[in-house]
Amino acid sequence: MQLDFAFVGAALLLGFAVLSLLSGLADGRLSRFGLLLLAAGFAIGGWVVINYPADYGLAQIPVVFIRVLAALTRIS
């Protein structure tokens, strides 16, 4: 389950990186923070996918997000 959280975290980092880079490009500059987020997202996501390719393929992305959402909303 820890790897699910890492994978979803990496996807969120990549999403924020794209937004930051697009914002920087709209202002005519390069966002260093966006590049840092992009590198961190690819590093974490790549590490998870390389170590466990069968569990974290392209078709499994929605399943992983649903598992993480279910784990976060579980009240016990």
N, C-alpha and C. Protein backbone atom coordinates (compact mmCIF):
# COMPACT_ATOMS: atom_id res chain seq x y z
N MET A 1 0.82 -1.19 0.00
CA MET A 1 0.00 0.00 0.00
C MET A 1 0.86 1.26 0.00
N GLN A 2 2.06 1.20 0.59
CA GLN A 2 2.97 2.35 0.60
C GLN A 2 3.33 2.75 -0.83
N LEU A 3 3.51 1.76 -1.69
CA LEU A 3 3.87 2.07 -3.07
C LEU A 3 2.71 2.73 -3.81
N ASP A 4 1.49 2.39 -3.45
CA ASP A 4 0.34 3.07 -4.05
C ASP A 4 0.37 4.55 -3.72
N PHE A 5 0.65 4.87 -2.45
CA PHE A 5 0.73 6.27 -2.05
C PHE A 5 1.87 6.98 -2.75
N ALA A 6 3.00 6.30 -2.92
CA ALA A 6 4.13 6.90 -3.63
C ALA A 6 3.79 7.16 -5.09
N PHE A 7 3.10 6.23 -5.72
CA PHE A 7 2.73 6.38 -7.12
C PHE A 7 1.75 7.54 -7.31
N VAL A 8 0.74 7.62 -6.44
CA VAL A 8 -0.23 8.70 -6.53
C VAL A 8 0.43 10.03 -6.20
N GLY A 9 1.33 10.04 -5.23
CA GLY A 9 2.06 11.26 -4.91
C GLY A 9 2.90 11.74 -6.08
N ALA A 10 3.53 10.81 -6.76
CA ALA A 10 4.33 11.16 -7.94
C ALA A 10 3.44 11.73 -9.04
N ALA A 11 2.27 11.14 -9.22
CA ALA A 11 1.35 11.66 -10.24
C ALA A 11 0.89 13.07 -9.89
N LEU A 12 0.63 13.31 -8.62
CA LEU A 12 0.24 14.66 -8.20
C LEU A 12 1.38 15.65 -8.37
N LEU A 13 2.59 15.23 -8.05
CA LEU A 13 3.75 16.09 -8.27
C LEU A 13 3.90 16.45 -9.74
N LEU A 14 3.70 15.47 -10.62
CA LEU A 14 3.80 15.73 -12.05
C LEU A 14 2.71 16.69 -12.51
N GLY A 15 1.52 16.54 -11.95
CA GLY A 15 0.44 17.46 -12.31
C GLY A 15 0.74 18.89 -11.89
N PHE A 16 1.24 19.06 -10.67
CA PHE A 16 1.60 20.39 -10.21
C PHE A 16 2.80 20.94 -10.99
N ALA A 17 3.70 20.07 -11.40
CA ALA A 17 4.85 20.51 -12.19
C ALA A 17 4.40 21.07 -13.53
N VAL A 18 3.47 20.40 -14.17
CA VAL A 18 2.98 20.89 -15.46
C VAL A 18 2.32 22.25 -15.29
N LEU A 19 1.51 22.39 -14.24
CA LEU A 19 0.87 23.68 -14.00
C LEU A 19 1.89 24.78 -13.73
N SER A 20 2.91 24.47 -12.96
CA SER A 20 3.94 25.45 -12.65
C SER A 20 4.74 25.83 -13.89
N LEU A 21 5.07 24.84 -14.70
CA LEU A 21 5.84 25.13 -15.92
C LEU A 21 5.01 25.95 -16.92
N LEU A 22 3.73 25.63 -17.04
CA LEU A 22 2.88 26.41 -17.94
C LEU A 22 2.71 27.84 -17.45
N SER A 23 2.60 28.02 -16.15
CA SER A 23 2.51 29.36 -15.59
C SER A 23 3.79 30.15 -15.85
N GLY A 24 4.92 29.49 -15.68
CA GLY A 24 6.19 30.15 -15.96
C GLY A 24 6.34 30.51 -17.42
N LEU A 25 5.93 29.63 -18.30
CA LEU A 25 6.03 29.91 -19.73
C LEU A 25 5.11 31.05 -20.14
N ALA A 26 3.95 31.15 -19.49
CA ALA A 26 3.04 32.25 -19.79
C ALA A 26 3.63 33.59 -19.39
N ASP A 27 4.46 33.59 -18.34
CA ASP A 27 5.12 34.82 -17.90
C ASP A 27 6.44 35.07 -18.64
N GLY A 28 6.83 34.15 -19.49
CA GLY A 28 8.06 34.32 -20.26
C GLY A 28 9.31 33.96 -19.48
N ARG A 29 9.19 33.06 -18.53
CA ARG A 29 10.35 32.63 -17.75
C ARG A 29 10.28 31.13 -17.53
N LEU A 30 11.34 30.58 -16.97
CA LEU A 30 11.39 29.15 -16.69
C LEU A 30 11.24 28.94 -15.19
N SER A 31 10.32 28.12 -14.80
CA SER A 31 10.05 27.88 -13.39
C SER A 31 11.01 26.81 -12.86
N ARG A 32 11.91 27.19 -11.98
CA ARG A 32 12.84 26.22 -11.39
C ARG A 32 12.12 25.27 -10.47
N PHE A 33 11.13 25.79 -9.75
CA PHE A 33 10.36 24.93 -8.86
C PHE A 33 9.58 23.90 -9.67
N GLY A 34 9.05 24.29 -10.81
CA GLY A 34 8.36 23.35 -11.69
C GLY A 34 9.28 22.26 -12.19
N LEU A 35 10.51 22.64 -12.52
CA LEU A 35 11.49 21.63 -12.95
C LEU A 35 11.84 20.68 -11.82
N LEU A 36 11.93 21.21 -10.60
CA LEU A 36 12.22 20.37 -9.44
C LEU A 36 11.07 19.40 -9.20
N LEU A 37 9.84 19.88 -9.28
CA LEU A 37 8.68 19.00 -9.13
C LEU A 37 8.63 17.94 -10.23
N LEU A 38 8.96 18.33 -11.45
CA LEU A 38 8.97 17.40 -12.57
C LEU A 38 10.00 16.29 -12.35
N ALA A 39 11.19 16.68 -11.92
CA ALA A 39 12.25 15.69 -11.67
C ALA A 39 11.87 14.76 -10.52
N ALA A 40 11.31 15.32 -9.45
CA ALA A 40 10.92 14.50 -8.30
C ALA A 40 9.79 13.54 -8.67
N GLY A 41 8.81 14.03 -9.43
CA GLY A 41 7.70 13.18 -9.83
C GLY A 41 8.15 12.03 -10.72
N PHE A 42 9.01 12.34 -11.69
CA PHE A 42 9.52 11.26 -12.56
C PHE A 42 10.41 10.30 -11.79
N ALA A 43 11.18 10.79 -10.85
CA ALA A 43 12.07 9.92 -10.07
C ALA A 43 11.25 8.95 -9.20
N ILE A 44 10.28 9.47 -8.49
CA ILE A 44 9.48 8.62 -7.61
C ILE A 44 8.60 7.66 -8.43
N GLY A 45 7.92 8.20 -9.43
CA GLY A 45 7.08 7.35 -10.27
C GLY A 45 7.88 6.32 -11.05
N GLY A 46 9.02 6.71 -11.55
CA GLY A 46 9.88 5.76 -12.26
C GLY A 46 10.39 4.67 -11.37
N TRP A 47 10.74 5.03 -10.15
CA TRP A 47 11.23 4.02 -9.20
C TRP A 47 10.16 2.98 -8.93
N VAL A 48 8.92 3.43 -8.72
CA VAL A 48 7.82 2.49 -8.44
C VAL A 48 7.55 1.61 -9.65
N VAL A 49 7.49 2.19 -10.84
CA VAL A 49 7.16 1.42 -12.04
C VAL A 49 8.28 0.46 -12.42
N ILE A 50 9.52 0.87 -12.25
CA ILE A 50 10.64 -0.01 -12.60
C ILE A 50 10.73 -1.19 -11.65
N ASN A 51 10.49 -0.97 -10.37
CA ASN A 51 10.58 -2.06 -9.39
C ASN A 51 9.39 -3.00 -9.44
N TYR A 52 8.21 -2.50 -9.79
CA TYR A 52 7.00 -3.31 -9.82
C TYR A 52 6.20 -3.04 -11.09
N PRO A 53 6.70 -3.46 -12.25
CA PRO A 53 6.04 -3.11 -13.51
C PRO A 53 4.66 -3.76 -13.70
N ALA A 54 4.44 -4.93 -13.13
CA ALA A 54 3.15 -5.60 -13.32
C ALA A 54 2.05 -4.93 -12.52
N ASP A 55 2.38 -4.38 -11.36
CA ASP A 55 1.38 -3.77 -10.49
C ASP A 55 1.05 -2.33 -10.88
N TYR A 56 1.95 -1.66 -11.58
CA TYR A 56 1.78 -0.23 -11.86
C TYR A 56 1.93 0.07 -13.35
N GLY A 57 1.18 -0.65 -14.16
CA GLY A 57 1.17 -0.38 -15.59
C GLY A 57 0.19 0.72 -15.93
N LEU A 58 0.10 1.03 -17.19
CA LEU A 58 -0.78 2.10 -17.66
C LEU A 58 -2.25 1.78 -17.37
N ALA A 59 -2.63 0.53 -17.51
CA ALA A 59 -4.02 0.15 -17.28
C ALA A 59 -4.38 0.14 -15.80
N GLN A 60 -3.40 0.09 -14.92
CA GLN A 60 -3.65 0.01 -13.49
C GLN A 60 -3.76 1.37 -12.80
N ILE A 61 -3.52 2.45 -13.52
CA ILE A 61 -3.51 3.78 -12.90
C ILE A 61 -4.85 4.11 -12.22
N PRO A 62 -6.00 3.92 -12.86
CA PRO A 62 -7.26 4.23 -12.16
C PRO A 62 -7.47 3.35 -10.92
N VAL A 63 -7.06 2.09 -10.99
CA VAL A 63 -7.23 1.19 -9.85
C VAL A 63 -6.39 1.65 -8.67
N VAL A 64 -5.18 2.09 -8.95
CA VAL A 64 -4.30 2.56 -7.88
C VAL A 64 -4.88 3.81 -7.23
N PHE A 65 -5.39 4.74 -8.03
CA PHE A 65 -5.98 5.95 -7.48
C PHE A 65 -7.20 5.61 -6.62
N ILE A 66 -8.01 4.67 -7.04
CA ILE A 66 -9.20 4.27 -6.27
C ILE A 66 -8.78 3.61 -4.97
N ARG A 67 -7.74 2.76 -4.99
CA ARG A 67 -7.26 2.13 -3.76
C ARG A 67 -6.77 3.16 -2.76
N VAL A 68 -6.04 4.15 -3.24
CA VAL A 68 -5.53 5.19 -2.35
C VAL A 68 -6.68 6.03 -1.80
N LEU A 69 -7.62 6.40 -2.64
CA LEU A 69 -8.77 7.17 -2.19
C LEU A 69 -9.58 6.38 -1.15
N ALA A 70 -9.75 5.09 -1.38
CA ALA A 70 -10.46 4.25 -0.42
C ALA A 70 -9.71 4.15 0.91
N ALA A 71 -8.39 4.04 0.84
CA ALA A 71 -7.59 3.97 2.06
C ALA A 71 -7.63 5.29 2.84
N LEU A 72 -7.67 6.40 2.14
CA LEU A 72 -7.69 7.70 2.81
C LEU A 72 -9.05 8.01 3.41
N THR A 73 -10.11 7.51 2.83
CA THR A 73 -11.44 7.82 3.32
C THR A 73 -11.98 6.77 4.26
N ARG A 74 -11.23 5.69 4.50
CA ARG A 74 -11.68 4.64 5.39
C ARG A 74 -11.68 5.15 6.83
N ILE A 75 -12.82 5.07 7.47
CA ILE A 75 -12.95 5.50 8.86
C ILE A 75 -13.06 4.25 9.73
N SER A 76 -12.13 4.13 10.67
CA SER A 76 -12.20 2.93 11.51
C SER A 76 -12.16 3.27 12.97
